C-alpha cells in the first residue's frame, strides 16, 4: 500500500509540477514590453501572488494538516 501510494504521488507530482512550470513560463511571457503594457504595480501583484502561493505550498509540505482560505487572483 505504501509503495503504491508513493508511485501515485510521484506520477501526480511530476505531472502537476511540470504543468505549473509551463504556466509560470507563460506568465513570464507577459513581461514582453513590445507586446504588453503594464505598470510596476501590476507586475508586483503578479510576482507577489505567485510567491504567496509558493510559500503556501512550502507550508503545506511542512505542516500537511494546515488549511487556508481560497482566494482567486485578480489584477488591478
N, C-alpha and C. Protein backbone atom coordinates (compact mmCIF):
# COMPACT_ATOMS: atom_id res chain seq x y z
N UNK A 1 0.83 -1.20 0.00
CA UNK A 1 0.00 0.00 0.00
C UNK A 1 0.87 1.25 0.00
N UNK A 2 1.89 1.30 0.82
CA UNK A 2 2.76 2.48 0.93
C UNK A 2 3.52 2.71 -0.38
N UNK A 3 4.01 1.64 -1.02
CA UNK A 3 4.74 1.76 -2.28
C UNK A 3 3.81 2.29 -3.37
N UNK A 4 2.59 1.76 -3.44
CA UNK A 4 1.62 2.22 -4.43
C UNK A 4 1.29 3.69 -4.22
N UNK A 5 1.17 4.09 -2.97
CA UNK A 5 0.87 5.48 -2.64
C UNK A 5 1.99 6.40 -3.09
N UNK A 6 3.24 5.96 -2.94
CA UNK A 6 4.38 6.77 -3.35
C UNK A 6 4.49 6.83 -4.87
N UNK A 7 4.17 5.76 -5.55
CA UNK A 7 4.19 5.74 -7.01
C UNK A 7 3.15 6.74 -7.54
N UNK A 8 1.97 6.72 -6.95
CA UNK A 8 0.91 7.65 -7.34
C UNK A 8 1.35 9.10 -7.08
N UNK A 9 1.97 9.33 -5.91
CA UNK A 9 2.46 10.66 -5.56
C UNK A 9 3.46 11.15 -6.60
N UNK A 10 4.43 10.30 -6.96
CA UNK A 10 5.45 10.68 -7.94
C UNK A 10 4.84 11.01 -9.29
N UNK A 11 3.90 10.19 -9.72
CA UNK A 11 3.25 10.41 -11.02
C UNK A 11 2.51 11.75 -11.03
N UNK A 12 1.72 12.00 -10.00
CA UNK A 12 0.96 13.24 -9.92
C UNK A 12 1.88 14.45 -9.72
N UNK A 13 2.90 14.30 -8.89
CA UNK A 13 3.83 15.41 -8.64
C UNK A 13 4.55 15.80 -9.93
N UNK A 14 5.04 14.83 -10.67
CA UNK A 14 5.72 15.12 -11.94
C UNK A 14 4.79 15.87 -12.89
N UNK A 15 3.58 15.38 -13.05
CA UNK A 15 2.64 15.99 -13.98
C UNK A 15 2.26 17.40 -13.53
N UNK A 16 1.95 17.57 -12.26
CA UNK A 16 1.49 18.86 -11.77
C UNK A 16 2.61 19.90 -11.72
N UNK A 17 3.80 19.50 -11.31
CA UNK A 17 4.91 20.45 -11.26
C UNK A 17 5.30 20.88 -12.67
N UNK A 18 5.36 19.95 -13.60
CA UNK A 18 5.68 20.30 -14.98
C UNK A 18 4.62 21.23 -15.57
N UNK A 19 3.36 20.98 -15.27
CA UNK A 19 2.28 21.85 -15.75
C UNK A 19 2.42 23.25 -15.14
N UNK A 20 2.70 23.31 -13.85
CA UNK A 20 2.86 24.61 -13.17
C UNK A 20 4.04 25.38 -13.77
N UNK A 21 5.14 24.71 -14.04
CA UNK A 21 6.30 25.37 -14.64
C UNK A 21 5.96 25.94 -16.01
N UNK A 22 5.26 25.17 -16.81
CA UNK A 22 4.86 25.65 -18.14
C UNK A 22 3.98 26.89 -18.03
N UNK A 23 3.03 26.87 -17.08
CA UNK A 23 2.14 28.01 -16.91
C UNK A 23 2.88 29.23 -16.37
N UNK A 24 3.85 29.01 -15.50
CA UNK A 24 4.66 30.12 -14.99
C UNK A 24 5.47 30.75 -16.12
N UNK A 25 5.98 29.91 -17.02
CA UNK A 25 6.70 30.44 -18.19
C UNK A 25 5.78 31.30 -19.05
N UNK A 26 4.54 30.88 -19.20
CA UNK A 26 3.58 31.68 -19.96
C UNK A 26 3.31 33.02 -19.28
N UNK A 27 3.25 33.00 -17.96
CA UNK A 27 3.10 34.26 -17.22
C UNK A 27 4.32 35.15 -17.47
N UNK A 28 5.49 34.55 -17.49
CA UNK A 28 6.72 35.29 -17.78
C UNK A 28 6.69 35.96 -19.14
N UNK A 29 6.00 35.34 -20.09
CA UNK A 29 5.88 35.94 -21.43
C UNK A 29 5.16 37.28 -21.38
N UNK A 30 4.34 37.49 -20.37
CA UNK A 30 3.63 38.76 -20.22
C UNK A 30 4.57 39.93 -19.96
N UNK A 31 5.81 39.64 -19.62
CA UNK A 31 6.78 40.71 -19.32
C UNK A 31 7.33 41.37 -20.59
N UNK A 32 6.98 40.83 -21.75
CA UNK A 32 7.46 41.36 -23.02
C UNK A 32 6.79 42.70 -23.31
N UNK A 33 7.53 43.80 -23.09
CA UNK A 33 7.00 45.16 -23.26
C UNK A 33 6.65 45.50 -24.71
N UNK A 34 7.18 44.75 -25.66
CA UNK A 34 6.82 45.03 -27.06
C UNK A 34 5.43 44.50 -27.41
N UNK A 35 4.88 43.63 -26.55
CA UNK A 35 3.55 43.09 -26.79
C UNK A 35 2.52 43.54 -25.76
N UNK A 36 2.98 43.90 -24.56
CA UNK A 36 2.06 44.20 -23.47
C UNK A 36 2.46 45.49 -22.76
N UNK A 37 1.46 46.14 -22.20
CA UNK A 37 1.69 47.34 -21.41
C UNK A 37 1.21 47.06 -19.99
N UNK A 38 2.05 47.33 -19.01
CA UNK A 38 1.70 47.08 -17.61
C UNK A 38 2.50 48.01 -16.72
N UNK A 39 1.98 48.21 -15.53
CA UNK A 39 2.66 49.07 -14.57
C UNK A 39 3.54 48.23 -13.63
N UNK A 40 4.43 48.91 -12.92
CA UNK A 40 5.25 48.22 -11.91
C UNK A 40 4.34 47.59 -10.87
N UNK A 41 3.26 48.30 -10.51
CA UNK A 41 2.32 47.79 -9.51
C UNK A 41 1.70 46.47 -9.98
N UNK A 42 1.32 46.41 -11.26
CA UNK A 42 0.71 45.19 -11.79
C UNK A 42 1.71 44.04 -11.82
N UNK A 43 2.93 44.31 -12.22
CA UNK A 43 3.93 43.23 -12.23
C UNK A 43 4.23 42.75 -10.82
N UNK A 44 4.25 43.67 -9.87
CA UNK A 44 4.48 43.31 -8.46
C UNK A 44 3.32 42.45 -7.94
N UNK A 45 2.10 42.78 -8.34
CA UNK A 45 0.94 41.98 -7.92
C UNK A 45 1.07 40.53 -8.40
N UNK A 46 1.50 40.36 -9.63
CA UNK A 46 1.66 39.01 -10.18
C UNK A 46 2.74 38.26 -9.42
N UNK A 47 3.88 38.89 -9.25
CA UNK A 47 5.00 38.25 -8.55
C UNK A 47 4.64 37.93 -7.11
N UNK A 48 3.98 38.87 -6.44
CA UNK A 48 3.57 38.64 -5.04
C UNK A 48 2.58 37.50 -4.92
N UNK A 49 1.62 37.42 -5.86
CA UNK A 49 0.63 36.34 -5.83
C UNK A 49 1.30 34.98 -6.03
N UNK A 50 2.23 34.92 -6.97
CA UNK A 50 2.95 33.65 -7.20
C UNK A 50 3.80 33.27 -5.99
N UNK A 51 4.50 34.26 -5.43
CA UNK A 51 5.34 33.99 -4.25
C UNK A 51 4.49 33.54 -3.06
N UNK A 52 3.34 34.16 -2.89
CA UNK A 52 2.44 33.78 -1.79
C UNK A 52 2.00 32.33 -1.95
N UNK A 53 1.71 31.94 -3.17
CA UNK A 53 1.29 30.57 -3.43
C UNK A 53 2.43 29.58 -3.19
N UNK A 54 3.64 29.94 -3.59
CA UNK A 54 4.81 29.10 -3.33
C UNK A 54 5.02 28.93 -1.83
N UNK A 55 4.90 30.03 -1.10
CA UNK A 55 5.05 29.97 0.36
C UNK A 55 3.99 29.07 0.98
N UNK A 56 2.77 29.14 0.46
CA UNK A 56 1.70 28.29 0.96
C UNK A 56 2.02 26.81 0.72
N UNK A 57 2.52 26.49 -0.46
CA UNK A 57 2.87 25.10 -0.77
C UNK A 57 3.97 24.61 0.16
N UNK A 58 4.99 25.45 0.40
CA UNK A 58 6.06 25.08 1.33
C UNK A 58 5.48 24.76 2.70
N UNK A 59 4.59 25.62 3.18
CA UNK A 59 3.98 25.40 4.49
C UNK A 59 3.14 24.14 4.53
N UNK A 60 2.45 23.84 3.44
CA UNK A 60 1.64 22.62 3.38
C UNK A 60 2.50 21.37 3.51
N UNK A 61 3.67 21.37 2.86
CA UNK A 61 4.55 20.21 2.96
C UNK A 61 5.17 20.09 4.34
N UNK A 62 5.40 21.22 4.99
CA UNK A 62 5.95 21.20 6.34
C UNK A 62 4.89 20.93 7.40
N UNK A 63 3.63 21.26 7.11
CA UNK A 63 2.52 21.05 8.04
C UNK A 63 1.29 20.63 7.23
N UNK A 64 1.22 19.36 6.82
CA UNK A 64 0.16 18.89 5.92
C UNK A 64 -1.26 19.08 6.43
N UNK A 65 -1.45 19.27 7.73
CA UNK A 65 -2.81 19.39 8.26
C UNK A 65 -3.34 20.82 8.20
N UNK A 66 -2.48 21.78 7.82
CA UNK A 66 -2.90 23.19 7.78
C UNK A 66 -3.86 23.46 6.64
N UNK A 67 -4.78 24.38 6.85
CA UNK A 67 -5.74 24.76 5.82
C UNK A 67 -5.59 26.24 5.51
N UNK A 68 -6.38 26.72 4.55
CA UNK A 68 -6.36 28.13 4.23
C UNK A 68 -7.60 28.53 3.47
N UNK A 69 -7.79 29.82 3.40
CA UNK A 69 -8.90 30.39 2.67
C UNK A 69 -8.50 30.49 1.19
N UNK A 70 -9.38 30.10 0.30
CA UNK A 70 -9.10 30.15 -1.13
C UNK A 70 -9.55 31.50 -1.66
N UNK A 71 -8.64 32.18 -2.37
CA UNK A 71 -8.96 33.49 -2.93
C UNK A 71 -8.34 33.54 -4.33
N UNK A 72 -9.17 33.82 -5.33
CA UNK A 72 -8.68 33.91 -6.70
C UNK A 72 -7.90 35.20 -6.91
N UNK A 73 -6.91 35.14 -7.77
CA UNK A 73 -6.10 36.30 -8.11
C UNK A 73 -6.85 37.19 -9.10
N UNK A 74 -6.77 38.48 -8.87
CA UNK A 74 -7.32 39.44 -9.82
C UNK A 74 -6.44 40.68 -9.80
N UNK A 75 -5.92 41.05 -10.98
CA UNK A 75 -5.01 42.18 -11.09
C UNK A 75 -5.81 43.48 -11.10
N UNK A 76 -5.21 44.54 -10.55
CA UNK A 76 -5.84 45.87 -10.56
C UNK A 76 -5.75 46.49 -11.93
